[in-house]
Amino acid sequence: MNIKQIGFSANQYIQEEHPKYQIYIHHTAGNASGENVFKSWESNPERIATCVSISGKGKDCVDGEIVQGFPSKLWAYHLGLKESTFQKFNLPYKSLDKISIGIEICSWGQLTKKGAKFYNYVNRVVPDDEVIELDSPYKGHKFFHNYTDAQIESTKDLLVLWRDKYGIPIGYYADIWDVTPRALKGEKGVFTHNSVRYDKVDIYPHPKMLSMLKSL
């Protein structure tokens, strides 16, 4: 597995090592370039980032390329946790960012169909061949920017890598598509951003992603 290492300011993440128990899969709601994801984070003083991003199809990037900005043993804020979410389950707040690793998949996320065209949330047209229609709506959305086969394969490679490195179990649980107390408690495993946030739609249950996760 090839991982492209890039320069990323040490001020943009926290240089503390913590045991890793969880992996969270996100998508960027942005364009195809994994490198550009890190460039956008460079301008954010809040140190919001994940250690890797996975590029999609684009003229300036390689589909499925894993781009890494800092070591997975360190951490940055990537979950945007809210105390009220923990309170709904009568759980104490837990700093999950420290004990988790984040993956960002480059994707625009949910799309809106207007006439015969599909638009992302910044009102840009997404080509028809990059759109997937789910059999059933997810969180009120049926059309999404497609995760590519290469992105899904790279996600699998990272999950296996961190299972072997940190002992994180990567078996599939169906509750990861909504807020689950398993995630909030810091239980070991693979989750999505939806697992800790009611207001997120990343990642969505793409059929091939779902099949990959169930195969692990």
Protein backbone atom coordinates (compact mmCIF):
# COMPACT_ATOMS: atom_id res chain seq x y z
CA MET A 1 0.00 0.00 0.00
CA ASN A 2 1.39 3.38 -1.02
CA ILE A 3 0.76 6.35 1.25
CA LYS A 4 1.79 9.80 0.06
CA GLN A 5 3.38 11.80 2.86
CA ILE A 6 2.99 15.56 2.62
CA GLY A 7 4.17 18.52 4.65
CA PHE A 8 1.57 19.56 7.20
CA SER A 9 2.26 22.17 9.85
CA ALA A 10 2.95 20.68 13.28
CA ASN A 11 0.77 23.46 14.69
CA GLN A 12 -2.27 21.87 13.03
CA TYR A 13 -2.35 18.73 15.16
CA ILE A 14 -1.58 17.77 18.75
CA GLN A 15 1.76 16.07 19.20
CA GLU A 16 0.70 13.72 21.94
CA GLU A 17 0.55 9.95 21.63
CA HIS A 18 -2.54 8.16 22.89
CA PRO A 19 -3.68 4.54 22.67
CA LYS A 20 -5.98 4.09 19.67
CA TYR A 21 -9.26 2.24 20.10
CA GLN A 22 -11.53 3.60 17.36
CA ILE A 23 -11.52 4.48 13.66
CA TYR A 24 -13.99 7.01 12.24
CA ILE A 25 -14.76 7.25 8.53
CA HIS A 26 -15.69 10.71 7.22
CA HIS A 27 -16.15 12.33 3.86
CA THR A 28 -14.92 15.82 3.18
CA ALA A 29 -17.90 17.47 1.45
CA GLY A 30 -15.23 18.84 -0.89
CA ASN A 31 -13.43 18.24 -4.17
CA ALA A 32 -11.37 15.26 -5.23
CA SER A 33 -7.89 16.24 -4.02
CA GLY A 34 -6.60 14.74 -0.79
CA GLU A 35 -3.73 17.21 -0.77
CA ASN A 36 -6.11 20.15 -1.05
CA VAL A 37 -7.93 18.88 2.02
CA PHE A 38 -4.78 19.41 4.08
CA LYS A 39 -4.19 22.80 2.48
CA SER A 40 -7.64 23.92 3.60
CA TRP A 41 -6.98 22.68 7.13
CA GLU A 42 -3.72 24.65 7.25
CA SER A 43 -5.71 27.88 7.47
CA ASN A 44 -7.85 26.67 10.37
CA PRO A 45 -6.50 27.68 13.81
CA GLU A 46 -8.66 25.11 15.62
CA ARG A 47 -6.44 22.17 14.60
CA ILE A 48 -9.21 20.28 12.83
CA ALA A 49 -7.85 17.45 10.70
CA THR A 50 -7.60 13.72 10.19
CA CYS A 51 -4.25 12.03 9.68
CA VAL A 52 -5.21 10.81 6.19
CA SER A 53 -7.44 11.74 3.28
CA ILE A 54 -8.28 9.64 0.22
CA SER A 55 -8.40 11.36 -3.16
CA GLY A 56 -11.13 10.76 -5.71
CA LYS A 57 -11.24 11.21 -9.47
CA GLY A 58 -9.76 14.52 -10.52
CA LYS A 59 -7.32 15.97 -13.02
CA ASP A 60 -4.78 16.94 -10.34
CA CYS A 61 -4.95 13.80 -8.18
CA VAL A 62 -4.84 10.02 -8.31
CA ASP A 63 -8.08 8.17 -7.63
CA GLY A 64 -7.83 6.31 -4.34
CA GLU A 65 -4.48 7.82 -3.35
CA ILE A 66 -3.98 7.96 0.42
CA VAL A 67 -2.48 11.26 1.54
CA GLN A 68 -1.06 11.50 5.08
CA GLY A 69 -0.32 14.72 6.94
CA PHE A 70 0.68 13.44 10.39
CA PRO A 71 1.27 10.11 12.17
CA SER A 72 -1.78 8.08 13.18
CA LYS A 73 -0.44 7.76 16.74
CA LEU A 74 -0.96 11.52 17.23
CA TRP A 75 -4.29 13.33 17.00
CA ALA A 76 -6.33 16.35 15.96
CA TYR A 77 -9.96 17.39 16.39
CA HIS A 78 -12.10 15.63 13.79
CA LEU A 79 -15.38 14.74 15.48
CA GLY A 80 -16.87 18.00 16.80
CA LEU A 81 -18.37 16.26 19.81
CA LYS A 82 -21.30 17.80 21.72
CA GLU A 83 -21.90 17.20 25.42
CA SER A 84 -25.65 17.11 24.80
CA THR A 85 -25.23 13.95 22.72
CA PHE A 86 -23.58 12.15 25.62
CA GLN A 87 -26.23 13.45 28.01
CA LYS A 88 -29.02 11.86 25.94
CA PHE A 89 -27.52 8.48 26.81
CA ASN A 90 -26.66 9.45 30.41
CA LEU A 91 -22.99 9.11 29.56
CA PRO A 92 -20.09 11.31 30.70
CA TYR A 93 -18.36 13.33 28.01
CA LYS A 94 -15.35 11.51 26.59
CA SER A 95 -12.57 13.02 24.48
CA LEU A 96 -12.83 10.53 21.63
CA ASP A 97 -10.62 12.56 19.27
CA LYS A 98 -7.57 11.51 21.28
CA ILE A 99 -8.24 7.79 21.15
CA SER A 100 -9.43 7.58 17.56
CA ILE A 101 -8.06 7.77 14.02
CA GLY A 102 -9.95 9.55 11.26
CA ILE A 103 -10.20 8.82 7.55
CA GLU A 104 -11.46 11.52 5.17
CA ILE A 105 -12.83 10.36 1.82
CA CYS A 106 -12.92 13.13 -0.77
CA SER A 107 -16.59 13.39 -1.75
CA TRP A 108 -19.23 16.11 -2.05
CA GLY A 109 -21.69 14.01 -0.08
CA GLN A 110 -25.44 14.49 -0.53
CA LEU A 111 -26.70 15.99 -3.78
CA THR A 112 -29.86 17.75 -4.90
CA LYS A 113 -31.49 16.98 -8.24
CA LYS A 114 -32.78 20.01 -10.12
CA GLY A 115 -34.29 19.12 -13.45
CA ALA A 116 -31.88 16.70 -15.09
CA LYS A 117 -28.79 17.85 -13.18
CA PHE A 118 -27.30 17.13 -9.78
CA TYR A 119 -25.95 19.86 -7.51
CA ASN A 120 -23.75 19.76 -4.41
CA TYR A 121 -24.33 21.97 -1.38
CA VAL A 122 -22.36 24.88 -2.89
CA ASN A 123 -24.62 24.71 -5.96
CA ARG A 124 -22.05 23.24 -8.33
CA VAL A 125 -23.04 20.62 -10.87
CA VAL A 126 -21.74 17.10 -10.26
CA PRO A 127 -21.43 14.95 -13.43
CA ASP A 128 -24.06 12.25 -13.82
CA ASP A 129 -21.43 9.50 -13.93
CA GLU A 130 -20.27 10.52 -10.43
CA VAL A 131 -23.74 10.23 -8.88
CA ILE A 132 -25.23 7.28 -7.03
CA GLU A 133 -28.91 6.85 -6.21
CA LEU A 134 -29.59 4.82 -3.06
CA ASP A 135 -32.45 2.33 -2.99
CA SER A 136 -33.76 4.07 0.14
CA PRO A 137 -33.10 7.65 1.32
CA TYR A 138 -30.47 8.12 4.01
CA LYS A 139 -31.21 10.96 6.41
CA GLY A 140 -33.57 12.42 3.84
CA HIS A 141 -31.19 12.18 0.87
CA LYS A 142 -31.30 9.71 -1.99
CA PHE A 143 -28.59 11.09 -4.32
CA PHE A 144 -24.93 11.23 -3.30
CA HIS A 145 -21.53 11.84 -4.81
CA ASN A 146 -20.26 8.36 -5.54
CA TYR A 147 -17.37 6.88 -3.56
CA THR A 148 -15.06 5.34 -6.16
CA ASP A 149 -13.97 1.71 -6.12
CA ALA A 150 -10.40 2.87 -5.51
CA GLN A 151 -11.45 4.97 -2.50
CA ILE A 152 -13.32 2.04 -0.98
CA GLU A 153 -10.32 -0.25 -1.52
CA SER A 154 -7.98 2.28 0.11
CA THR A 155 -10.36 2.58 3.05
CA LYS A 156 -10.20 -1.20 3.46
CA ASP A 157 -6.40 -1.14 3.32
CA LEU A 158 -6.25 1.48 6.09
CA LEU A 159 -8.67 -0.41 8.32
CA VAL A 160 -6.58 -3.57 8.01
CA LEU A 161 -3.36 -1.59 8.58
CA TRP A 162 -4.62 -0.06 11.82
CA ARG A 163 -6.18 -3.32 12.98
CA ASP A 164 -2.76 -4.91 12.74
CA LYS A 165 -0.92 -1.92 14.21
CA TYR A 166 -3.22 -0.96 17.08
CA GLY A 167 -5.36 -4.04 17.62
CA ILE A 168 -8.57 -2.19 16.69
CA PRO A 169 -11.31 -4.70 15.79
CA ILE A 170 -12.80 -3.92 12.38
CA GLY A 171 -15.89 -6.14 12.38
CA TYR A 172 -19.10 -4.58 11.07
CA TYR A 173 -21.99 -3.40 13.28
CA ALA A 174 -25.20 -2.02 11.76
CA ASP A 175 -25.57 0.73 14.39
CA ILE A 176 -22.71 2.82 12.97
CA TRP A 177 -25.08 4.77 10.65
CA ASP A 178 -26.65 6.64 13.55
CA VAL A 179 -25.52 7.86 16.96
CA THR A 180 -24.62 4.84 19.04
CA PRO A 181 -23.65 4.62 22.71
CA ARG A 182 -20.96 2.13 21.75
CA ALA A 183 -19.05 4.92 20.04
CA LEU A 184 -19.73 7.48 22.77
CA LYS A 185 -18.43 5.09 25.42
CA GLY A 186 -15.17 4.75 23.52
CA GLU A 187 -15.67 1.09 22.69
CA LYS A 188 -13.19 -0.34 20.24
CA GLY A 189 -14.19 -0.57 16.59
CA VAL A 190 -14.95 1.12 13.29
CA PHE A 191 -17.52 3.91 13.20
CA THR A 192 -18.78 6.69 10.94
CA HIS A 193 -19.13 10.38 11.79
CA ASN A 194 -22.86 9.65 12.12
CA SER A 195 -22.02 7.43 15.10
CA VAL A 196 -21.39 10.49 17.31
CA ARG A 197 -23.22 13.33 15.51
CA TYR A 198 -26.93 13.64 14.68
CA ASP A 199 -26.27 16.43 12.19
CA LYS A 200 -23.78 14.59 9.96
CA VAL A 201 -24.29 12.56 6.77
CA ASP A 202 -20.81 11.06 6.50
CA ILE A 203 -20.27 8.54 5.48
CA TYR A 204 -23.49 7.37 3.78
CA PRO A 205 -24.32 3.66 3.27
CA HIS A 206 -22.89 3.25 -0.22
CA PRO A 207 -23.68 -0.35 -1.29
CA LYS A 208 -20.06 -1.19 -2.16
CA MET A 209 -18.74 0.47 1.01
CA LEU A 210 -21.29 -1.46 3.03
CA SER A 211 -20.30 -4.71 1.34
CA MET A 212 -16.62 -4.01 2.03
CA LEU A 213 -17.23 -3.26 5.71
CA LYS A 214 -19.29 -6.42 6.13
CA SER A 215 -16.51 -8.49 4.54
CA LEU A 216 -13.91 -7.56 7.17
